[in-house]
Amino acid sequence: MKPDPEISEKDRELFDRIASEYERKDLSRGAARARRLRLTQTLRKVPSAAAPHLLEVGCGAGYAARYLQGRYASYTGIDHSGKLIDIARQRHPGENIRFIHTDLMDFSPGKTFDLALMIGVLHHLEDIPAAVRKVRALLKPGGYFVVNEPQPANPLISFLRWIRKRVDPGYSRDQRELPRREIEAVFRQAGFLNMRSFPQGFLSTPFAEVPLEPGFLFNPVISAVCLADRTLEKITGSLFASLAWNVIVIAEKP
């Protein structure tokens, strides 16, 4: 797909406009539980160092720094939304935590990382192959790149996303779903090795995106579906991958 800078600018403007609303997902106890699960289930698959120097591309309001506290030696989050970075800096101060307002392609930290993470970000980028090559350059040899992406294998889920694009003003209409094989092909072309993929989010994903109130009514339900997802993802492997909302793809820099 040919890169379209106009789409990238529209995406930036959208997230600046909805920054406070976007943070509500992490301020809601139930949604935060599902969002934490998505992160921990993703990183559980990565055979990286016990406490990696972690880069999150598209960090949003920065709550991964809190959800993953104790699992990294240092955390660097970048995002092209200045409003979201402002929130992240305010909410998550720490000596080993940094938030930087920048585009990935302009990011020059002067160091490399053990692990690069993107949660629902890759499909927003205007030039995915170039972005993947850039991430590879930011990793140490033996470092891992891991993405968690909406996947289109389940027609019902794709239809629900199509509806949301048309009714939710805070949901980008330009984003798309990326098939696992397409992600793996881009990784392979960028020089990554040892690619693995896993389904993620059979039940909990919708609860990670929409804060539901009152909490006393919905939080027990969300806790139950999160517990169910941990079990399902453990026992199903790739057997029912097409039923999951998301796909995790992990690749290693040689």
C-alpha atoms as a PDB file:
ATOM      1  CA  MET A   1       0.000   0.000   0.000  1.00  0.00           C
ATOM      2  CA  LYS A   2       1.386   3.429  -0.954  1.00  0.00           C
ATOM      3  CA  PRO A   3       2.116   5.624   2.088  1.00  0.00           C
ATOM      4  CA  ASP A   4      -0.272   8.535   2.559  1.00  0.00           C
ATOM      5  CA  PRO A   5       1.106  11.325   4.806  1.00  0.00           C
ATOM      6  CA  GLU A   6      -2.365  12.854   4.988  1.00  0.00           C
ATOM      7  CA  ILE A   7      -3.658   9.754   6.784  1.00  0.00           C
ATOM      8  CA  SER A   8      -0.825   9.994   9.313  1.00  0.00           C
ATOM      9  CA  GLU A   9      -1.601  13.636  10.017  1.00  0.00           C
ATOM     10  CA  LYS A  10      -5.312  12.887  10.393  1.00  0.00           C
ATOM     11  CA  ASP A  11      -4.426  10.130  12.849  1.00  0.00           C
ATOM     12  CA  ARG A  12      -2.242  12.488  14.873  1.00  0.00           C
ATOM     13  CA  GLU A  13      -4.999  15.104  14.984  1.00  0.00           C
ATOM     14  CA  LEU A  14      -7.535  12.480  16.053  1.00  0.00           C
ATOM     15  CA  PHE A  15      -5.474  11.300  19.029  1.00  0.00           C
ATOM     16  CA  ASP A  16      -4.653  14.843  20.103  1.00  0.00           C
ATOM     17  CA  ARG A  17      -8.368  15.616  20.043  1.00  0.00           C
ATOM     18  CA  ILE A  18      -9.483  12.544  21.987  1.00  0.00           C
ATOM     19  CA  ALA A  19      -6.494  12.261  24.365  1.00  0.00           C
ATOM     20  CA  SER A  20      -8.512  12.752  27.555  1.00  0.00           C
ATOM     21  CA  GLU A  21     -11.278  10.459  26.344  1.00  0.00           C
ATOM     22  CA  TYR A  22      -8.721   7.871  25.265  1.00  0.00           C
ATOM     23  CA  GLU A  23      -7.234   7.805  28.773  1.00  0.00           C
ATOM     24  CA  ARG A  24     -10.635   6.872  30.212  1.00  0.00           C
ATOM     25  CA  LYS A  25      -9.972   3.286  29.137  1.00  0.00           C
ATOM     26  CA  ASP A  26      -7.092   3.080  31.588  1.00  0.00           C
ATOM     27  CA  LEU A  27      -8.885   5.002  34.309  1.00  0.00           C
ATOM     28  CA  SER A  28     -11.763   2.516  34.257  1.00  0.00           C
ATOM     29  CA  ARG A  29     -10.947  -0.373  36.581  1.00  0.00           C
ATOM     30  CA  GLY A  30     -12.569  -2.981  34.355  1.00  0.00           C
ATOM     31  CA  ALA A  31     -11.105  -1.775  31.053  1.00  0.00           C
ATOM     32  CA  ALA A  32      -7.696  -1.367  32.695  1.00  0.00           C
ATOM     33  CA  ARG A  33      -7.787  -5.010  33.784  1.00  0.00           C
ATOM     34  CA  ALA A  34      -8.408  -6.155  30.210  1.00  0.00           C
ATOM     35  CA  ARG A  35      -5.737  -3.798  28.856  1.00  0.00           C
ATOM     36  CA  ARG A  36      -3.185  -5.072  31.372  1.00  0.00           C
ATOM     37  CA  LEU A  37      -4.042  -8.636  30.392  1.00  0.00           C
ATOM     38  CA  ARG A  38      -3.393  -7.862  26.712  1.00  0.00           C
ATOM     39  CA  LEU A  39       0.069  -6.563  27.593  1.00  0.00           C
ATOM     40  CA  THR A  40       1.070  -9.325  29.972  1.00  0.00           C
ATOM     41  CA  GLN A  41      -0.232 -12.071  27.688  1.00  0.00           C
ATOM     42  CA  THR A  42       1.745 -10.535  24.831  1.00  0.00           C
ATOM     43  CA  LEU A  43       5.035 -10.266  26.704  1.00  0.00           C
ATOM     44  CA  ARG A  44       4.629 -13.724  28.222  1.00  0.00           C
ATOM     45  CA  LYS A  45       5.400 -15.109  24.759  1.00  0.00           C
ATOM     46  CA  VAL A  46       8.674 -13.201  24.361  1.00  0.00           C
ATOM     47  CA  PRO A  47      11.901 -15.074  25.261  1.00  0.00           C
ATOM     48  CA  SER A  48      13.749 -11.846  26.074  1.00  0.00           C
ATOM     49  CA  ALA A  49      15.867 -10.826  29.025  1.00  0.00           C
ATOM     50  CA  ALA A  50      14.171 -10.919  32.420  1.00  0.00           C
ATOM     51  CA  ALA A  51      14.401  -7.120  32.717  1.00  0.00           C
ATOM     52  CA  PRO A  52      14.811  -5.721  29.201  1.00  0.00           C
ATOM     53  CA  HIS A  53      15.403  -2.149  28.125  1.00  0.00           C
ATOM     54  CA  LEU A  54      11.983  -1.705  26.532  1.00  0.00           C
ATOM     55  CA  LEU A  55      10.814   0.628  23.775  1.00  0.00           C
ATOM     56  CA  GLU A  56       7.079   1.057  23.234  1.00  0.00           C
ATOM     57  CA  VAL A  57       6.127   2.624  19.914  1.00  0.00           C
ATOM     58  CA  GLY A  58       2.736   4.298  20.082  1.00  0.00           C
ATOM     59  CA  CYS A  59       2.662   4.367  23.870  1.00  0.00           C
ATOM     60  CA  GLY A  60      -0.471   6.526  24.077  1.00  0.00           C
ATOM     61  CA  ALA A  61      -1.093   7.718  27.641  1.00  0.00           C
ATOM     62  CA  GLY A  62       1.769   5.545  28.860  1.00  0.00           C
ATOM     63  CA  TYR A  63      -0.065   3.080  31.062  1.00  0.00           C
ATOM     64  CA  ALA A  64       2.080   0.184  29.870  1.00  0.00           C
ATOM     65  CA  ALA A  65       4.862   1.675  31.993  1.00  0.00           C
ATOM     66  CA  ARG A  66       2.608   1.134  35.016  1.00  0.00           C
ATOM     67  CA  TYR A  67       1.104  -2.207  34.002  1.00  0.00           C
ATOM     68  CA  LEU A  68       4.548  -3.696  33.335  1.00  0.00           C
ATOM     69  CA  GLN A  69       6.297  -2.158  36.335  1.00  0.00           C
ATOM     70  CA  GLY A  70       8.982  -4.518  37.604  1.00  0.00           C
ATOM     71  CA  ARG A  71       9.275  -6.297  34.248  1.00  0.00           C
ATOM     72  CA  TYR A  72      11.798  -3.921  32.622  1.00  0.00           C
ATOM     73  CA  ALA A  73      15.122  -2.273  33.407  1.00  0.00           C
ATOM     74  CA  SER A  74      14.048   0.872  31.592  1.00  0.00           C
ATOM     75  CA  TYR A  75      10.977   1.954  29.660  1.00  0.00           C
ATOM     76  CA  THR A  76      10.938   4.437  26.763  1.00  0.00           C
ATOM     77  CA  GLY A  77       7.572   5.343  25.249  1.00  0.00           C
ATOM     78  CA  ILE A  78       7.175   7.354  22.053  1.00  0.00           C
ATOM     79  CA  ASP A  79       4.021   8.685  20.434  1.00  0.00           C
ATOM     80  CA  HIS A  80       3.213  11.235  17.729  1.00  0.00           C
ATOM     81  CA  SER A  81       0.398  12.707  19.836  1.00  0.00           C
ATOM     82  CA  GLY A  82       1.768  15.485  21.999  1.00  0.00           C
ATOM     83  CA  LYS A  83      -1.414  15.516  24.091  1.00  0.00           C
ATOM     84  CA  LEU A  84      -1.055  11.835  24.969  1.00  0.00           C
ATOM     85  CA  ILE A  85       2.625  12.271  25.811  1.00  0.00           C
ATOM     86  CA  ASP A  86       1.726  15.153  28.135  1.00  0.00           C
ATOM     87  CA  ILE A  87      -0.686  12.855  29.972  1.00  0.00           C
ATOM     88  CA  ALA A  88       1.892  10.055  30.099  1.00  0.00           C
ATOM     89  CA  ARG A  89       4.550  12.297  31.640  1.00  0.00           C
ATOM     90  CA  GLN A  90       2.126  13.554  34.251  1.00  0.00           C
ATOM     91  CA  ARG A  91       0.736  10.132  35.193  1.00  0.00           C
ATOM     92  CA  HIS A  92       3.874   7.959  35.167  1.00  0.00           C
ATOM     93  CA  PRO A  93       7.002   9.683  36.461  1.00  0.00           C
ATOM     94  CA  GLY A  94      10.032   7.514  37.197  1.00  0.00           C
ATOM     95  CA  GLU A  95      13.820   7.500  36.985  1.00  0.00           C
ATOM     96  CA  ASN A  96      13.809   4.613  34.510  1.00  0.00           C
ATOM     97  CA  ILE A  97      10.784   5.862  32.515  1.00  0.00           C
ATOM     98  CA  ARG A  98      10.917   8.298  29.581  1.00  0.00           C
ATOM     99  CA  PHE A  99       8.192   9.586  27.278  1.00  0.00           C
ATOM    100  CA  ILE A 100       9.131  11.295  24.024  1.00  0.00           C
ATOM    101  CA  HIS A 101       6.886  13.173  21.602  1.00  0.00           C
ATOM    102  CA  THR A 102       8.130  12.060  18.200  1.00  0.00           C
ATOM    103  CA  ASP A 103       7.324  10.055  15.109  1.00  0.00           C
ATOM    104  CA  LEU A 104       8.994   6.684  14.896  1.00  0.00           C
ATOM    105  CA  MET A 105      10.842   7.599  11.701  1.00  0.00           C
ATOM    106  CA  ASP A 106      12.341  10.694  13.375  1.00  0.00           C
ATOM    107  CA  PHE A 107      13.328   8.911  16.585  1.00  0.00           C
ATOM    108  CA  SER A 108      17.106   8.876  17.208  1.00  0.00           C
ATOM    109  CA  PRO A 109      17.738   7.891  20.838  1.00  0.00           C
ATOM    110  CA  GLY A 110      21.469   7.234  20.537  1.00  0.00           C
ATOM    111  CA  LYS A 111      21.073   3.759  22.011  1.00  0.00           C
ATOM    112  CA  THR A 112      19.456   0.429  21.216  1.00  0.00           C
ATOM    113  CA  PHE A 113      16.857  -1.673  23.036  1.00  0.00           C
ATOM    114  CA  ASP A 114      16.351  -5.312  24.014  1.00  0.00           C
ATOM    115  CA  LEU A 115      12.664  -5.279  23.178  1.00  0.00           C
ATOM    116  CA  ALA A 116      10.390  -3.151  20.983  1.00  0.00           C
ATOM    117  CA  LEU A 117       6.662  -3.331  21.568  1.00  0.00           C
ATOM    118  CA  MET A 118       3.661  -2.163  19.547  1.00  0.00           C
ATOM    119  CA  ILE A 119       0.136  -2.755  20.843  1.00  0.00           C
ATOM    120  CA  GLY A 120      -2.450  -2.037  18.153  1.00  0.00           C
ATOM    121  CA  VAL A 121      -0.137   0.433  16.424  1.00  0.00           C
ATOM    122  CA  LEU A 122       1.327  -1.162  13.294  1.00  0.00           C
ATOM    123  CA  HIS A 123      -1.879  -0.819  11.279  1.00  0.00           C
ATOM    124  CA  HIS A 124      -1.914   2.958  11.954  1.00  0.00           C
ATOM    125  CA  LEU A 125       1.468   3.553  10.303  1.00  0.00           C
ATOM    126  CA  GLU A 126       1.627   5.070   6.836  1.00  0.00           C
ATOM    127  CA  ASP A 127       4.614   2.996   5.634  1.00  0.00           C
ATOM    128  CA  ILE A 128       4.646  -0.308   7.488  1.00  0.00           C
ATOM    129  CA  PRO A 129       7.750  -1.822   5.808  1.00  0.00           C
ATOM    130  CA  ALA A 130       9.803   1.320   6.521  1.00  0.00           C
ATOM    131  CA  ALA A 131       8.566   1.384  10.128  1.00  0.00           C
ATOM    132  CA  VAL A 132       9.547  -2.259  10.661  1.00  0.00           C
ATOM    133  CA  ARG A 133      13.025  -1.594   9.245  1.00  0.00           C
ATOM    134  CA  LYS A 134      13.343   1.392  11.581  1.00  0.00           C
ATOM    135  CA  VAL A 135      12.426  -0.734  14.594  1.00  0.00           C
ATOM    136  CA  ARG A 136      15.016  -3.312  13.551  1.00  0.00           C
ATOM    137  CA  ALA A 137      17.673  -0.573  13.574  1.00  0.00           C
ATOM    138  CA  LEU A 138      16.643   0.391  17.121  1.00  0.00           C
ATOM    139  CA  LEU A 139      17.132  -3.132  18.481  1.00  0.00           C
ATOM    140  CA  LYS A 140      20.262  -4.789  19.811  1.00  0.00           C
ATOM    141  CA  PRO A 141      21.389  -7.989  18.062  1.00  0.00           C
ATOM    142  CA  GLY A 142      19.260 -10.728  19.559  1.00  0.00           C
ATOM    143  CA  GLY A 143      16.549  -8.221  20.462  1.00  0.00           C
ATOM    144  CA  TYR A 144      12.875  -8.891  19.872  1.00  0.00           C
ATOM    145  CA  PHE A 145      10.133  -6.996  18.101  1.00  0.00           C
ATOM    146  CA  VAL A 146       6.620  -7.909  19.222  1.00  0.00           C
ATOM    147  CA  VAL A 147       3.319  -6.608  17.909  1.00  0.00           C
ATOM    148  CA  ASN A 148      -0.260  -7.231  18.966  1.00  0.00           C
ATOM    149  CA  GLU A 149      -2.601  -6.455  16.062  1.00  0.00           C
ATOM    150  CA  PRO A 150      -6.287  -6.733  15.129  1.00  0.00           C
ATOM    151  CA  GLN A 151      -6.585  -9.652  12.734  1.00  0.00           C
ATOM    152  CA  PRO A 152      -9.252 -10.236  10.052  1.00  0.00           C
ATOM    153  CA  ALA A 153      -9.657 -14.021  10.160  1.00  0.00           C
ATOM    154  CA  ASN A 154     -13.022 -13.893  11.960  1.00  0.00           C
ATOM    155  CA  PRO A 155     -15.674 -12.279   9.680  1.00  0.00           C
ATOM    156  CA  LEU A 156     -17.958 -11.465  12.626  1.00  0.00           C
ATOM    157  CA  ILE A 157     -15.231  -9.534  14.423  1.00  0.00           C
ATOM    158  CA  SER A 158     -14.323  -7.692  11.226  1.00  0.00           C
ATOM    159  CA  PHE A 159     -17.975  -6.728  10.795  1.00  0.00           C
ATOM    160  CA  LEU A 160     -18.141  -5.391  14.367  1.00  0.00           C
ATOM    161  CA  ARG A 161     -15.029  -3.288  13.731  1.00  0.00           C
ATOM    162  CA  TRP A 162     -16.595  -1.988  10.503  1.00  0.00           C
ATOM    163  CA  ILE A 163     -19.650  -0.853  12.477  1.00  0.00           C
ATOM    164  CA  ARG A 164     -17.505   0.823  15.121  1.00  0.00           C
ATOM    165  CA  LYS A 165     -15.660   2.833  12.473  1.00  0.00           C
ATOM    166  CA  ARG A 166     -18.986   4.358  11.482  1.00  0.00           C
ATOM    167  CA  VAL A 167     -20.492   5.040  14.897  1.00  0.00           C
ATOM    168  CA  ASP A 168     -17.499   5.878  17.108  1.00  0.00           C
ATOM    169  CA  PRO A 169     -15.946   9.302  16.353  1.00  0.00           C
ATOM    170  CA  GLY A 170     -12.891   8.344  18.412  1.00  0.00           C
ATOM    171  CA  TYR A 171     -12.105   5.310  16.246  1.00  0.00           C
ATOM    172  CA  SER A 172      -9.921   5.950  13.198  1.00  0.00           C
ATOM    173  CA  ARG A 173     -11.686   5.095   9.946  1.00  0.00           C
ATOM    174  CA  ASP A 174      -8.378   4.741   8.091  1.00  0.00           C
ATOM    175  CA  GLN A 175      -7.001   1.873  10.172  1.00  0.00           C
ATOM    176  CA  ARG A 176      -7.130  -1.691   8.869  1.00  0.00           C
ATOM    177  CA  GLU A 177      -6.688  -5.256  10.012  1.00  0.00           C
ATOM    178  CA  LEU A 178      -3.414  -7.015   9.208  1.00  0.00           C
ATOM    179  CA  PRO A 179      -3.365 -10.748   8.428  1.00  0.00           C
ATOM    180  CA  ARG A 180      -0.725 -12.695  10.298  1.00  0.00           C
ATOM    181  CA  ARG A 181       0.994 -13.752   7.085  1.00  0.00           C
ATOM    182  CA  GLU A 182       1.250 -10.134   5.920  1.00  0.00           C
ATOM    183  CA  ILE A 183       2.925  -9.086   9.163  1.00  0.00           C
ATOM    184  CA  GLU A 184       5.322 -12.016   8.991  1.00  0.00           C
ATOM    185  CA  ALA A 185       6.188 -11.201   5.364  1.00  0.00           C
ATOM    186  CA  VAL A 186       7.065  -7.613   6.254  1.00  0.00           C
ATOM    187  CA  PHE A 187       9.172  -8.784   9.190  1.00  0.00           C
ATOM    188  CA  ARG A 188      10.968 -11.287   6.979  1.00  0.00           C
ATOM    189  CA  GLN A 189      11.714  -8.661   4.326  1.00  0.00           C
ATOM    190  CA  ALA A 190      13.173  -6.403   7.035  1.00  0.00           C
ATOM    191  CA  GLY A 191      15.622  -9.139   8.046  1.00  0.00           C
ATOM    192  CA  PHE A 192      13.951 -10.504  11.181  1.00  0.00           C
ATOM    193  CA  LEU A 193      14.245 -14.209  12.014  1.00  0.00           C
ATOM    194  CA  ASN A 194      12.553 -16.821  14.210  1.00  0.00           C
ATOM    195  CA  MET A 195       9.035 -15.473  13.742  1.00  0.00           C
ATOM    196  CA  ARG A 196       6.243 -16.910  15.874  1.00  0.00           C
ATOM    197  CA  SER A 197       2.588 -15.995  16.137  1.00  0.00           C
ATOM    198  CA  PHE A 198      -0.148 -16.585  18.703  1.00  0.00           C
ATOM    199  CA  PRO A 199      -3.846 -15.739  19.001  1.00  0.00           C
ATOM    200  CA  GLN A 200      -4.757 -13.249  21.721  1.00  0.00           C
ATOM    201  CA  GLY A 201      -8.062 -12.026  23.094  1.00  0.00           C
ATOM    202  CA  PHE A 202     -10.953 -14.423  22.560  1.00  0.00           C
ATOM    203  CA  LEU A 203     -13.320 -12.659  24.971  1.00  0.00           C
ATOM    204  CA  SER A 204     -11.605  -9.770  26.745  1.00  0.00           C
ATOM    205  CA  THR A 205     -10.607  -7.452  23.875  1.00  0.00           C
ATOM    206  CA  PRO A 206     -13.896  -5.513  23.583  1.00  0.00           C
ATOM    207  CA  PHE A 207     -13.769  -4.784  27.318  1.00  0.00           C
ATOM    208  CA  ALA A 208     -10.279  -3.287  26.882  1.00  0.00           C
ATOM    209  CA  GLU A 209     -11.636  -0.721  24.420  1.00  0.00           C
ATOM    210  CA  VAL A 210     -14.879   0.454  26.011  1.00  0.00           C
ATOM    211  CA  PRO A 211     -15.118   1.572  29.670  1.00  0.00           C
ATOM    212  CA  LEU A 212     -18.306   0.146  31.158  1.00  0.00           C
ATOM    213  CA  GLU A 213     -20.106   1.614  34.132  1.00  0.00           C
ATOM    214  CA  PRO A 214     -21.275   1.037  36.802  1.00  0.00           C
ATOM    215  CA  GLY A 215     -18.158  -0.805  37.850  1.00  0.00           C
ATOM    216  CA  PHE A 216     -19.842  -2.914  40.526  1.00  0.00           C
ATOM    217  CA  LEU A 217     -21.939  -4.492  37.801  1.00  0.00           C
ATOM    218  CA  PHE A 218     -19.391  -4.936  34.996  1.00  0.00           C
ATOM    219  CA  ASN A 219     -16.072  -5.450  36.817  1.00  0.00           C
ATOM    220  CA  PRO A 220     -16.900  -9.013  37.960  1.00  0.00           C
ATOM    221  CA  VAL A 221     -17.844  -9.894  34.370  1.00  0.00           C
ATOM    222  CA  ILE A 222     -14.583  -8.449  33.043  1.00  0.00           C
ATOM    223  CA  SER A 223     -12.595 -10.323  35.682  1.00  0.00           C
ATOM    224  CA  ALA A 224     -14.291 -13.553  34.592  1.00  0.00           C
ATOM    225  CA  VAL A 225     -13.610 -13.071  30.870  1.00  0.00           C
ATOM    226  CA  CYS A 226      -9.973 -12.157  31.588  1.00  0.00           C
ATOM    227  CA  LEU A 227      -9.569 -15.366  33.564  1.00  0.00           C
ATOM    228  CA  ALA A 228     -11.223 -17.291  30.749  1.00  0.00           C
ATOM    229  CA  ASP A 229      -8.917 -15.709  28.154  1.00  0.00           C
ATOM    230  CA  ARG A 230      -5.774 -16.639  30.091  1.00  0.00           C
ATOM    231  CA  THR A 231      -6.993 -20.236  30.090  1.00  0.00           C
ATOM    232  CA  LEU A 232      -8.131 -20.271  26.465  1.00  0.00           C
ATOM    233  CA  GLU A 233      -4.908 -18.761  25.144  1.00  0.00           C
ATOM    234  CA  LYS A 234      -2.905 -21.316  27.104  1.00  0.00           C
ATOM    235  CA  ILE A 235      -4.781 -24.438  26.019  1.00  0.00           C
ATOM    236  CA  THR A 236      -5.843 -23.632  22.449  1.00  0.00           C
ATOM    237  CA  GLY A 237      -2.510 -22.548  20.951  1.00  0.00           C
ATOM    238  CA  SER A 238      -3.081 -21.868  17.262  1.00  0.00           C
ATOM    239  CA  LEU A 239      -5.982 -24.323  16.989  1.00  0.00           C
ATOM    240  CA  PHE A 240      -8.672 -21.622  17.157  1.00  0.00           C
ATOM    241  CA  ALA A 241      -6.522 -18.654  16.146  1.00  0.00           C
ATOM    242  CA  SER A 242      -9.104 -17.434  13.643  1.00  0.00           C
ATOM    243  CA  LEU A 243     -11.617 -16.871  16.457  1.00  0.00           C
ATOM    244  CA  ALA A 244      -9.399 -14.427  18.358  1.00  0.00           C
ATOM    245  CA  TRP A 245      -9.674 -10.658  18.097  1.00  0.00           C
ATOM    246  CA  ASN A 246      -5.927 -10.152  17.899  1.00  0.00           C
ATOM    247  CA  VAL A 247      -2.733 -11.816  16.746  1.00  0.00           C
ATOM    248  CA  ILE A 248       0.666 -11.589  18.442  1.00  0.00           C
ATOM    249  CA  VAL A 249       3.682 -11.758  16.140  1.00  0.00           C
ATOM    250  CA  ILE A 250       7.201 -11.989  17.589  1.00  0.00           C
ATOM    251  CA  ALA A 251      10.433 -11.774  15.626  1.00  0.00           C
ATOM    252  CA  GLU A 252      14.138 -11.689  16.507  1.00  0.00           C
ATOM    253  CA  LYS A 253      16.875  -9.432  15.159  1.00  0.00           C
ATOM    254  CA  PRO A 254      19.865 -11.617  14.261  1.00  0.00           C
END
